[in-house]
Every structure is written in structure tokens, then in C-alpha cells.
Amino acid sequence: MTDLITGREDLVLLIYCFILLWVNVSYLREHKKIKESLAEISSEEELDINPHSFSLLLFMMAFSFLRSWLFYILAILITGNLFVIILSAVLFIANVYQILFETSLAKVKKSKVRFYHVIGDTVFIAGFVIYYFAII
């Protein structure tokens, strides 16, 4: 497997960034529809999942690691720029806040943290792709 990646790190990074951009842009395009669908759900119709369960927390963190945190780590290691470090930290903190404190349907309905986080993530990834491939 490493033989497939060796010498093609730029291509793998590009594919990863475009997957992240595709996921983020899809969410932003569907955001209004998602909010409307959430507004139609009453608290009686909530799923029978304990939002405070440890296994759900681990799943959310694993998903966030693959979706955002890994990118932040790569961007910091590749650039070493203080601005990238600060921006990554702010986006990481917003994501962790969302995972830990937006656990009920009522909080998810009211909160805009996820929306702003995805906007910031999208701009950050697009800026990084432009920067990275301009210096190569």
C-alpha cells in the first residue's frame, strides 16, 4: 500500500482536500433544507439514542478526526505558519464545542456553530489547496 502512495503524496493530499470540499459544499447547499427538516421534528420524535453516551462521543470524535482534524494537522505540519496554527485551533475548538455541548435536538435546532464551522472549514481548505499547489 505504501508503494502506491510513495511519490504521490501531492495527489493523495489533493484527493483528500477535494473530498473534504465536496462534503462541506454539499452541506452548505443543503443547510436550509436540513434546518427546515429539523424544525419539523418534535422532541417526541427524537431517536432513542442517548446523546451523552461514551460510544456516540467516540464515534463523533473519530468522524471529526477524519473530516477535519487530520486536515488541520497536515496543514500545520506542511506550512508551519502561525496563522494556520491559530486558524486550525479556532476551528478545532468550535468542532469540539459542537461535539461536547450540542447534544440535544433543541440545541442543534438553535445553534449556528456547525454552519459557521463548515464555512470556515471550506474557506480554510480552499485557501490551503491554492497555497499548497502554488508553491509546488
C-alpha atoms as a PDB file:
ATOM      1  CA  MET A   1       0.000   0.000   0.000  1.00  0.00           C
ATOM      2  CA  THR A   2       2.815   2.395   0.797  1.00  0.00           C
ATOM      3  CA  ASP A   3       4.260   1.774  -2.667  1.00  0.00           C
ATOM      4  CA  LEU A   4       1.087   3.222  -4.176  1.00  0.00           C
ATOM      5  CA  ILE A   5       1.394   6.417  -2.122  1.00  0.00           C
ATOM      6  CA  THR A   6       5.169   6.917  -2.270  1.00  0.00           C
ATOM      7  CA  GLY A   7       5.907   9.740  -4.675  1.00  0.00           C
ATOM      8  CA  ARG A   8       2.229  10.584  -4.999  1.00  0.00           C
ATOM      9  CA  GLU A   9       1.668  12.398  -1.723  1.00  0.00           C
ATOM     10  CA  ASP A  10       0.552  15.523  -3.547  1.00  0.00           C
ATOM     11  CA  LEU A  11      -2.117  13.586  -5.407  1.00  0.00           C
ATOM     12  CA  VAL A  12      -3.359  11.882  -2.232  1.00  0.00           C
ATOM     13  CA  LEU A  13      -3.498  15.252  -0.441  1.00  0.00           C
ATOM     14  CA  LEU A  14      -5.355  16.802  -3.370  1.00  0.00           C
ATOM     15  CA  ILE A  15      -7.920  13.983  -3.438  1.00  0.00           C
ATOM     16  CA  TYR A  16      -8.397  14.239   0.341  1.00  0.00           C
ATOM     17  CA  CYS A  17      -8.894  18.013   0.130  1.00  0.00           C
ATOM     18  CA  PHE A  18     -11.401  17.703  -2.700  1.00  0.00           C
ATOM     19  CA  ILE A  19     -13.366  15.074  -0.777  1.00  0.00           C
ATOM     20  CA  LEU A  20     -13.493  17.413   2.218  1.00  0.00           C
ATOM     21  CA  LEU A  21     -14.537  20.313  -0.003  1.00  0.00           C
ATOM     22  CA  TRP A  22     -17.230  18.194  -1.635  1.00  0.00           C
ATOM     23  CA  VAL A  23     -18.656  17.186   1.774  1.00  0.00           C
ATOM     24  CA  ASN A  24     -18.573  20.777   3.062  1.00  0.00           C
ATOM     25  CA  VAL A  25     -20.084  22.357  -0.049  1.00  0.00           C
ATOM     26  CA  SER A  26     -22.809  19.692  -0.111  1.00  0.00           C
ATOM     27  CA  TYR A  27     -23.664  20.522   3.498  1.00  0.00           C
ATOM     28  CA  LEU A  28     -23.735  24.260   2.773  1.00  0.00           C
ATOM     29  CA  ARG A  29     -26.014  23.766  -0.235  1.00  0.00           C
ATOM     30  CA  GLU A  30     -28.400  21.603   1.798  1.00  0.00           C
ATOM     31  CA  HIS A  31     -28.195  23.659   5.006  1.00  0.00           C
ATOM     32  CA  LYS A  32     -31.539  25.406   4.556  1.00  0.00           C
ATOM     33  CA  LYS A  33     -33.298  22.122   3.810  1.00  0.00           C
ATOM     34  CA  ILE A  34     -31.647  20.466   6.805  1.00  0.00           C
ATOM     35  CA  LYS A  35     -32.753  23.273   9.142  1.00  0.00           C
ATOM     36  CA  GLU A  36     -36.315  23.044   7.817  1.00  0.00           C
ATOM     37  CA  SER A  37     -36.347  19.282   8.334  1.00  0.00           C
ATOM     38  CA  LEU A  38     -35.013  19.696  11.867  1.00  0.00           C
ATOM     39  CA  ALA A  39     -37.717  22.264  12.636  1.00  0.00           C
ATOM     40  CA  GLU A  40     -40.395  19.745  11.643  1.00  0.00           C
ATOM     41  CA  ILE A  41     -39.144  17.157  14.136  1.00  0.00           C
ATOM     42  CA  SER A  42     -40.744  17.377  17.547  1.00  0.00           C
ATOM     43  CA  SER A  43     -38.988  16.224  20.684  1.00  0.00           C
ATOM     44  CA  GLU A  44     -41.308  13.179  20.872  1.00  0.00           C
ATOM     45  CA  GLU A  45     -39.970  12.018  17.534  1.00  0.00           C
ATOM     46  CA  GLU A  46     -36.323  12.105  18.647  1.00  0.00           C
ATOM     47  CA  LEU A  47     -34.331   8.954  18.190  1.00  0.00           C
ATOM     48  CA  ASP A  48     -33.819   6.641  21.124  1.00  0.00           C
ATOM     49  CA  ILE A  49     -30.101   7.358  21.264  1.00  0.00           C
ATOM     50  CA  ASN A  50     -28.535   8.650  24.416  1.00  0.00           C
ATOM     51  CA  PRO A  51     -26.672  11.779  23.244  1.00  0.00           C
ATOM     52  CA  HIS A  52     -24.425  11.582  26.312  1.00  0.00           C
ATOM     53  CA  SER A  53     -23.221   8.030  25.650  1.00  0.00           C
ATOM     54  CA  PHE A  54     -19.495   7.437  25.501  1.00  0.00           C
ATOM     55  CA  SER A  55     -19.718   5.328  22.340  1.00  0.00           C
ATOM     56  CA  LEU A  56     -21.544   8.114  20.471  1.00  0.00           C
ATOM     57  CA  LEU A  57     -18.932  10.592  21.674  1.00  0.00           C
ATOM     58  CA  LEU A  58     -16.131   8.348  20.377  1.00  0.00           C
ATOM     59  CA  PHE A  59     -17.907   7.930  17.047  1.00  0.00           C
ATOM     60  CA  MET A  60     -18.358  11.699  16.667  1.00  0.00           C
ATOM     61  CA  MET A  61     -14.708  12.320  17.528  1.00  0.00           C
ATOM     62  CA  ALA A  62     -13.482   9.657  15.080  1.00  0.00           C
ATOM     63  CA  PHE A  63     -15.647  11.160  12.349  1.00  0.00           C
ATOM     64  CA  SER A  64     -14.396  14.668  13.154  1.00  0.00           C
ATOM     65  CA  PHE A  65     -10.813  13.449  13.114  1.00  0.00           C
ATOM     66  CA  LEU A  66     -11.171  12.098   9.583  1.00  0.00           C
ATOM     67  CA  ARG A  67     -13.317  15.003   8.408  1.00  0.00           C
ATOM     68  CA  SER A  68     -11.397  17.949   9.869  1.00  0.00           C
ATOM     69  CA  TRP A  69      -8.736  17.332  12.487  1.00  0.00           C
ATOM     70  CA  LEU A  70      -6.452  15.303  10.229  1.00  0.00           C
ATOM     71  CA  PHE A  71      -6.541  18.131   7.703  1.00  0.00           C
ATOM     72  CA  TYR A  72      -5.656  20.678  10.411  1.00  0.00           C
ATOM     73  CA  ILE A  73      -2.678  18.582  11.491  1.00  0.00           C
ATOM     74  CA  LEU A  74      -1.477  18.205   7.887  1.00  0.00           C
ATOM     75  CA  ALA A  75      -1.888  21.928   7.192  1.00  0.00           C
ATOM     76  CA  ILE A  76       0.105  22.823  10.318  1.00  0.00           C
ATOM     77  CA  LEU A  77       2.879  20.334   9.521  1.00  0.00           C
ATOM     78  CA  ILE A  78       3.121  21.394   5.875  1.00  0.00           C
ATOM     79  CA  THR A  79       3.042  25.163   6.365  1.00  0.00           C
ATOM     80  CA  GLY A  80       4.348  25.735   9.890  1.00  0.00           C
ATOM     81  CA  ASN A  81       2.655  29.131   9.643  1.00  0.00           C
ATOM     82  CA  LEU A  82       1.414  30.816  12.840  1.00  0.00           C
ATOM     83  CA  PHE A  83      -1.794  31.964  11.115  1.00  0.00           C
ATOM     84  CA  VAL A  84      -2.555  28.368  10.061  1.00  0.00           C
ATOM     85  CA  ILE A  85      -1.922  27.175  13.624  1.00  0.00           C
ATOM     86  CA  ILE A  86      -4.298  29.790  15.078  1.00  0.00           C
ATOM     87  CA  LEU A  87      -6.998  29.159  12.469  1.00  0.00           C
ATOM     88  CA  SER A  88      -6.724  25.405  12.988  1.00  0.00           C
ATOM     89  CA  ALA A  89      -7.013  25.848  16.749  1.00  0.00           C
ATOM     90  CA  VAL A  90     -10.124  28.036  16.426  1.00  0.00           C
ATOM     91  CA  LEU A  91     -11.809  25.574  14.057  1.00  0.00           C
ATOM     92  CA  PHE A  92     -10.787  22.630  16.270  1.00  0.00           C
ATOM     93  CA  ILE A  93     -12.244  24.311  19.372  1.00  0.00           C
ATOM     94  CA  ALA A  94     -15.502  25.099  17.524  1.00  0.00           C
ATOM     95  CA  ASN A  95     -15.760  21.478  16.429  1.00  0.00           C
ATOM     96  CA  VAL A  96     -15.058  20.094  19.905  1.00  0.00           C
ATOM     97  CA  TYR A  97     -17.611  22.531  21.379  1.00  0.00           C
ATOM     98  CA  GLN A  98     -20.209  21.273  18.947  1.00  0.00           C
ATOM     99  CA  ILE A  99     -19.457  17.630  19.774  1.00  0.00           C
ATOM    100  CA  LEU A 100     -19.491  18.099  23.547  1.00  0.00           C
ATOM    101  CA  PHE A 101     -22.237  20.650  24.102  1.00  0.00           C
ATOM    102  CA  GLU A 102     -24.728  20.404  21.237  1.00  0.00           C
ATOM    103  CA  THR A 103     -26.117  17.049  22.229  1.00  0.00           C
ATOM    104  CA  SER A 104     -29.874  17.603  22.227  1.00  0.00           C
ATOM    105  CA  LEU A 105     -32.195  18.235  19.311  1.00  0.00           C
ATOM    106  CA  ALA A 106     -33.271  21.582  20.753  1.00  0.00           C
ATOM    107  CA  LYS A 107     -29.663  22.786  20.925  1.00  0.00           C
ATOM    108  CA  VAL A 108     -28.917  21.588  17.390  1.00  0.00           C
ATOM    109  CA  LYS A 109     -32.003  23.409  16.077  1.00  0.00           C
ATOM    110  CA  LYS A 110     -30.936  26.729  17.641  1.00  0.00           C
ATOM    111  CA  SER A 111     -27.186  26.586  17.124  1.00  0.00           C
ATOM    112  CA  LYS A 112     -25.342  28.053  14.175  1.00  0.00           C
ATOM    113  CA  VAL A 113     -21.913  26.825  15.289  1.00  0.00           C
ATOM    114  CA  ARG A 114     -21.951  23.910  12.832  1.00  0.00           C
ATOM    115  CA  PHE A 115     -22.874  26.196   9.917  1.00  0.00           C
ATOM    116  CA  TYR A 116     -20.121  28.715  10.684  1.00  0.00           C
ATOM    117  CA  HIS A 117     -17.628  25.918  11.323  1.00  0.00           C
ATOM    118  CA  VAL A 118     -18.314  24.410   7.893  1.00  0.00           C
ATOM    119  CA  ILE A 119     -17.964  27.825   6.228  1.00  0.00           C
ATOM    120  CA  GLY A 120     -14.625  28.381   7.989  1.00  0.00           C
ATOM    121  CA  ASP A 121     -13.509  24.860   7.143  1.00  0.00           C
ATOM    122  CA  THR A 122     -14.395  25.285   3.475  1.00  0.00           C
ATOM    123  CA  VAL A 123     -12.567  28.592   3.145  1.00  0.00           C
ATOM    124  CA  PHE A 124      -9.565  27.184   5.023  1.00  0.00           C
ATOM    125  CA  ILE A 125      -9.341  24.066   2.847  1.00  0.00           C
ATOM    126  CA  ALA A 126      -9.779  26.024  -0.394  1.00  0.00           C
ATOM    127  CA  GLY A 127      -7.127  28.538   0.697  1.00  0.00           C
ATOM    128  CA  PHE A 128      -4.757  25.755   1.671  1.00  0.00           C
ATOM    129  CA  VAL A 129      -5.196  23.964  -1.671  1.00  0.00           C
ATOM    130  CA  ILE A 130      -4.470  27.174  -3.558  1.00  0.00           C
ATOM    131  CA  TYR A 131      -1.448  27.932  -1.355  1.00  0.00           C
ATOM    132  CA  TYR A 132      -0.041  24.405  -1.462  1.00  0.00           C
ATOM    133  CA  PHE A 133      -0.272  23.915  -5.174  1.00  0.00           C
ATOM    134  CA  ALA A 134       1.014  27.432  -5.882  1.00  0.00           C
ATOM    135  CA  ILE A 135       4.281  26.687  -4.035  1.00  0.00           C
ATOM    136  CA  ILE A 136       4.886  23.337  -5.732  1.00  0.00           C
END
